Amino acid sequence: MYWTSFDQFIHMGGYGLYVWGSYGVTLALMLVEPLLAVQRRRRAIVQAREGELT
């Protein structure tokens, strides 16, 4: 597929919202998942340390 302008590239033949929306959701998940993993790890370490004290 060839585009003659940036506007046509963004719209992608009418599928631009789907294409760019998919990229946006994927990017958001790729950014959020490592942050959640760090949070879960910290919580697990705290719980493990609390278990050692009792």
PDB file of N, CA and C in Angstrom:
ATOM      1  N   MET A   1       0.848  -1.167   0.000  1.00  0.00           N
ATOM      2  CA  MET A   1       0.000   0.000   0.000  1.00  0.00           C
ATOM      3  C   MET A   1       0.901   1.240   0.000  1.00  0.00           C
ATOM      4  N   TYR A   2       0.582   2.177  -0.838  1.00  0.00           N
ATOM      5  CA  TYR A   2       1.356   3.399  -0.961  1.00  0.00           C
ATOM      6  C   TYR A   2       0.516   4.594  -0.520  1.00  0.00           C
ATOM      7  N   TRP A   3       1.142   5.482   0.225  1.00  0.00           N
ATOM      8  CA  TRP A   3       0.462   6.685   0.684  1.00  0.00           C
ATOM      9  C   TRP A   3       1.143   7.884   0.077  1.00  0.00           C
ATOM     10  N   THR A   4       0.333   8.837  -0.346  1.00  0.00           N
ATOM     11  CA  THR A   4       0.891  10.033  -0.965  1.00  0.00           C
ATOM     12  C   THR A   4       1.021  11.185   0.020  1.00  0.00           C
ATOM     13  N   SER A   5       0.463  11.008   1.243  1.00  0.00           N
ATOM     14  CA  SER A   5       0.583  12.052   2.253  1.00  0.00           C
ATOM     15  C   SER A   5       0.594  11.417   3.636  1.00  0.00           C
ATOM     16  N   PHE A   6       1.037  12.183   4.586  1.00  0.00           N
ATOM     17  CA  PHE A   6       1.060  11.708   5.972  1.00  0.00           C
ATOM     18  C   PHE A   6      -0.356  11.459   6.481  1.00  0.00           C
ATOM     19  N   ASP A   7      -1.298  12.280   6.048  1.00  0.00           N
ATOM     20  CA  ASP A   7      -2.698  12.126   6.446  1.00  0.00           C
ATOM     21  C   ASP A   7      -3.244  10.776   5.992  1.00  0.00           C
ATOM     22  N   GLN A   8      -2.933  10.368   4.784  1.00  0.00           N
ATOM     23  CA  GLN A   8      -3.368   9.061   4.296  1.00  0.00           C
ATOM     24  C   GLN A   8      -2.715   7.928   5.091  1.00  0.00           C
ATOM     25  N   PHE A   9      -1.468   8.136   5.460  1.00  0.00           N
ATOM     26  CA  PHE A   9      -0.771   7.132   6.278  1.00  0.00           C
ATOM     27  C   PHE A   9      -1.459   6.971   7.625  1.00  0.00           C
ATOM     28  N   ILE A  10      -1.817   8.075   8.262  1.00  0.00           N
ATOM     29  CA  ILE A  10      -2.481   8.030   9.566  1.00  0.00           C
ATOM     30  C   ILE A  10      -3.844   7.354   9.463  1.00  0.00           C
ATOM     31  N   HIS A  11      -4.592   7.620   8.409  1.00  0.00           N
ATOM     32  CA  HIS A  11      -5.932   7.047   8.260  1.00  0.00           C
ATOM     33  C   HIS A  11      -5.903   5.607   7.766  1.00  0.00           C
ATOM     34  N   MET A  12      -4.839   5.190   7.111  1.00  0.00           N
ATOM     35  CA  MET A  12      -4.631   3.814   6.653  1.00  0.00           C
ATOM     36  C   MET A  12      -5.850   3.230   5.948  1.00  0.00           C
ATOM     37  N   GLY A  13      -6.359   3.952   5.013  1.00  0.00           N
ATOM     38  CA  GLY A  13      -7.467   3.444   4.216  1.00  0.00           C
ATOM     39  C   GLY A  13      -8.743   3.210   5.020  1.00  0.00           C
ATOM     40  N   GLY A  14      -8.931   3.972   6.076  1.00  0.00           N
ATOM     41  CA  GLY A  14     -10.125   3.833   6.896  1.00  0.00           C
ATOM     42  C   GLY A  14      -9.940   2.951   8.115  1.00  0.00           C
ATOM     43  N   TYR A  15      -8.776   2.306   8.237  1.00  0.00           N
ATOM     44  CA  TYR A  15      -8.513   1.410   9.362  1.00  0.00           C
ATOM     45  C   TYR A  15      -7.557   2.016  10.388  1.00  0.00           C
ATOM     46  N   GLY A  16      -7.277   3.281  10.256  1.00  0.00           N
ATOM     47  CA  GLY A  16      -6.307   3.941  11.125  1.00  0.00           C
ATOM     48  C   GLY A  16      -6.659   3.876  12.602  1.00  0.00           C
ATOM     49  N   LEU A  17      -7.920   4.081  12.941  1.00  0.00           N
ATOM     50  CA  LEU A  17      -8.322   4.044  14.345  1.00  0.00           C
ATOM     51  C   LEU A  17      -8.038   2.669  14.947  1.00  0.00           C
ATOM     52  N   TYR A  18      -8.366   1.608  14.212  1.00  0.00           N
ATOM     53  CA  TYR A  18      -8.112   0.249  14.688  1.00  0.00           C
ATOM     54  C   TYR A  18      -6.604  -0.010  14.806  1.00  0.00           C
ATOM     55  N   VAL A  19      -5.860   0.338  13.772  1.00  0.00           N
ATOM     56  CA  VAL A  19      -4.413   0.073  13.752  1.00  0.00           C
ATOM     57  C   VAL A  19      -3.701   0.843  14.855  1.00  0.00           C
ATOM     58  N   TRP A  20      -3.915   2.156  14.914  1.00  0.00           N
ATOM     59  CA  TRP A  20      -3.220   2.968  15.901  1.00  0.00           C
ATOM     60  C   TRP A  20      -3.733   2.705  17.308  1.00  0.00           C
ATOM     61  N   GLY A  21      -5.013   2.382  17.427  1.00  0.00           N
ATOM     62  CA  GLY A  21      -5.556   2.004  18.727  1.00  0.00           C
ATOM     63  C   GLY A  21      -4.914   0.729  19.244  1.00  0.00           C
ATOM     64  N   SER A  22      -4.704  -0.230  18.348  1.00  0.00           N
ATOM     65  CA  SER A  22      -4.047  -1.481  18.732  1.00  0.00           C
ATOM     66  C   SER A  22      -2.614  -1.227  19.184  1.00  0.00           C
ATOM     67  N   TYR A  23      -1.909  -0.392  18.447  1.00  0.00           N
ATOM     68  CA  TYR A  23      -0.549  -0.030  18.853  1.00  0.00           C
ATOM     69  C   TYR A  23      -0.554   0.664  20.210  1.00  0.00           C
ATOM     70  N   GLY A  24      -1.517   1.549  20.433  1.00  0.00           N
ATOM     71  CA  GLY A  24      -1.595   2.279  21.695  1.00  0.00           C
ATOM     72  C   GLY A  24      -1.856   1.356  22.876  1.00  0.00           C
ATOM     73  N   VAL A  25      -2.794   0.431  22.717  1.00  0.00           N
ATOM     74  CA  VAL A  25      -3.103  -0.508  23.800  1.00  0.00           C
ATOM     75  C   VAL A  25      -1.893  -1.395  24.085  1.00  0.00           C
ATOM     76  N   THR A  26      -1.250  -1.875  23.048  1.00  0.00           N
ATOM     77  CA  THR A  26      -0.067  -2.717  23.227  1.00  0.00           C
ATOM     78  C   THR A  26       1.041  -1.960  23.937  1.00  0.00           C
ATOM     79  N   LEU A  27       1.289  -0.733  23.539  1.00  0.00           N
ATOM     80  CA  LEU A  27       2.318   0.084  24.184  1.00  0.00           C
ATOM     81  C   LEU A  27       1.984   0.315  25.653  1.00  0.00           C
ATOM     82  N   ALA A  28       0.729   0.631  25.933  1.00  0.00           N
ATOM     83  CA  ALA A  28       0.315   0.859  27.325  1.00  0.00           C
ATOM     84  C   ALA A  28       0.548  -0.391  28.169  1.00  0.00           C
ATOM     85  N   LEU A  29       0.177  -1.546  27.647  1.00  0.00           N
ATOM     86  CA  LEU A  29       0.371  -2.795  28.393  1.00  0.00           C
ATOM     87  C   LEU A  29       1.858  -3.114  28.595  1.00  0.00           C
ATOM     88  N   MET A  30       2.660  -2.820  27.586  1.00  0.00           N
ATOM     89  CA  MET A  30       4.097  -3.079  27.705  1.00  0.00           C
ATOM     90  C   MET A  30       4.749  -2.156  28.727  1.00  0.00           C
ATOM     91  N   LEU A  31       4.186  -0.988  28.945  1.00  0.00           N
ATOM     92  CA  LEU A  31       4.719  -0.066  29.946  1.00  0.00           C
ATOM     93  C   LEU A  31       4.210  -0.399  31.349  1.00  0.00           C
ATOM     94  N   VAL A  32       2.957  -0.815  31.454  1.00  0.00           N
ATOM     95  CA  VAL A  32       2.339  -1.051  32.756  1.00  0.00           C
ATOM     96  C   VAL A  32       2.768  -2.390  33.356  1.00  0.00           C
ATOM     97  N   GLU A  33       2.903  -3.420  32.548  1.00  0.00           N
ATOM     98  CA  GLU A  33       3.203  -4.753  33.073  1.00  0.00           C
ATOM     99  C   GLU A  33       4.504  -4.813  33.877  1.00  0.00           C
ATOM    100  N   PRO A  34       5.622  -4.247  33.414  1.00  0.00           N
ATOM    101  CA  PRO A  34       6.835  -4.275  34.249  1.00  0.00           C
ATOM    102  C   PRO A  34       6.658  -3.529  35.570  1.00  0.00           C
ATOM    103  N   LEU A  35       5.901  -2.439  35.556  1.00  0.00           N
ATOM    104  CA  LEU A  35       5.663  -1.704  36.796  1.00  0.00           C
ATOM    105  C   LEU A  35       4.861  -2.553  37.781  1.00  0.00           C
ATOM    106  N   LEU A  36       3.865  -3.260  37.277  1.00  0.00           N
ATOM    107  CA  LEU A  36       3.077  -4.132  38.144  1.00  0.00           C
ATOM    108  C   LEU A  36       3.913  -5.307  38.660  1.00  0.00           C
ATOM    109  N   ALA A  37       4.825  -5.809  37.833  1.00  0.00           N
ATOM    110  CA  ALA A  37       5.688  -6.909  38.257  1.00  0.00           C
ATOM    111  C   ALA A  37       6.605  -6.470  39.400  1.00  0.00           C
ATOM    112  N   VAL A  38       7.146  -5.274  39.310  1.00  0.00           N
ATOM    113  CA  VAL A  38       7.993  -4.741  40.381  1.00  0.00           C
ATOM    114  C   VAL A  38       7.181  -4.588  41.660  1.00  0.00           C
ATOM    115  N   GLN A  39       5.963  -4.094  41.529  1.00  0.00           N
ATOM    116  CA  GLN A  39       5.101  -3.923  42.692  1.00  0.00           C
ATOM    117  C   GLN A  39       4.784  -5.278  43.338  1.00  0.00           C
ATOM    118  N   ARG A  40       4.477  -6.287  42.528  1.00  0.00           N
ATOM    119  CA  ARG A  40       4.187  -7.619  43.065  1.00  0.00           C
ATOM    120  C   ARG A  40       5.414  -8.215  43.742  1.00  0.00           C
ATOM    121  N   ARG A  41       6.597  -7.966  43.172  1.00  0.00           N
ATOM    122  CA  ARG A  41       7.833  -8.480  43.760  1.00  0.00           C
ATOM    123  C   ARG A  41       8.082  -7.855  45.123  1.00  0.00           C
ATOM    124  N   ARG A  42       7.924  -6.536  45.201  1.00  0.00           N
ATOM    125  CA  ARG A  42       8.125  -5.848  46.485  1.00  0.00           C
ATOM    126  C   ARG A  42       7.155  -6.354  47.537  1.00  0.00           C
ATOM    127  N   ARG A  43       5.898  -6.550  47.137  1.00  0.00           N
ATOM    128  CA  ARG A  43       4.895  -7.047  48.076  1.00  0.00           C
ATOM    129  C   ARG A  43       5.246  -8.452  48.550  1.00  0.00           C
ATOM    130  N   ALA A  44       5.748  -9.304  47.657  1.00  0.00           N
ATOM    131  CA  ALA A  44       6.136 -10.660  48.022  1.00  0.00           C
ATOM    132  C   ALA A  44       7.318 -10.655  48.979  1.00  0.00           C
ATOM    133  N   ILE A  45       8.273  -9.744  48.762  1.00  0.00           N
ATOM    134  CA  ILE A  45       9.429  -9.648  49.658  1.00  0.00           C
ATOM    135  C   ILE A  45       8.983  -9.216  51.049  1.00  0.00           C
ATOM    136  N   VAL A  46       8.086  -8.237  51.117  1.00  0.00           N
ATOM    137  CA  VAL A  46       7.573  -7.781  52.412  1.00  0.00           C
ATOM    138  C   VAL A  46       6.845  -8.916  53.120  1.00  0.00           C
ATOM    139  N   GLN A  47       6.022  -9.639  52.396  1.00  0.00           N
ATOM    140  CA  GLN A  47       5.287 -10.749  53.003  1.00  0.00           C
ATOM    141  C   GLN A  47       6.240 -11.851  53.468  1.00  0.00           C
ATOM    142  N   ALA A  48       7.287 -12.110  52.724  1.00  0.00           N
ATOM    143  CA  ALA A  48       8.260 -13.122  53.121  1.00  0.00           C
ATOM    144  C   ALA A  48       8.995 -12.698  54.377  1.00  0.00           C
ATOM    145  N   ARG A  49       9.350 -11.409  54.462  1.00  0.00           N
ATOM    146  CA  ARG A  49      10.042 -10.922  55.658  1.00  0.00           C
ATOM    147  C   ARG A  49       9.129 -10.962  56.877  1.00  0.00           C
ATOM    148  N   GLU A  50       7.864 -10.655  56.704  1.00  0.00           N
ATOM    149  CA  GLU A  50       6.913 -10.728  57.804  1.00  0.00           C
ATOM    150  C   GLU A  50       6.749 -12.162  58.275  1.00  0.00           C
ATOM    151  N   GLY A  51       6.815 -13.096  57.376  1.00  0.00           N
ATOM    152  CA  GLY A  51       6.716 -14.510  57.740  1.00  0.00           C
ATOM    153  C   GLY A  51       7.914 -14.986  58.532  1.00  0.00           C
ATOM    154  N   GLU A  52       9.085 -14.395  58.263  1.00  0.00           N
ATOM    155  CA  GLU A  52      10.297 -14.770  59.007  1.00  0.00           C
ATOM    156  C   GLU A  52      10.245 -14.298  60.447  1.00  0.00           C
ATOM    157  N   LEU A  53       9.575 -13.166  60.678  1.00  0.00           N
ATOM    158  CA  LEU A  53       9.549 -12.574  62.021  1.00  0.00           C
ATOM    159  C   LEU A  53       8.573 -13.286  62.954  1.00  0.00           C
ATOM    160  N   THR A  54       7.616 -13.966  62.419  1.00  0.00           N
ATOM    161  CA  THR A  54       6.612 -14.602  63.272  1.00  0.00           C
ATOM    162  C   THR A  54       6.962 -16.033  63.584  1.00  0.00           C
TER     163      THR A  54
END
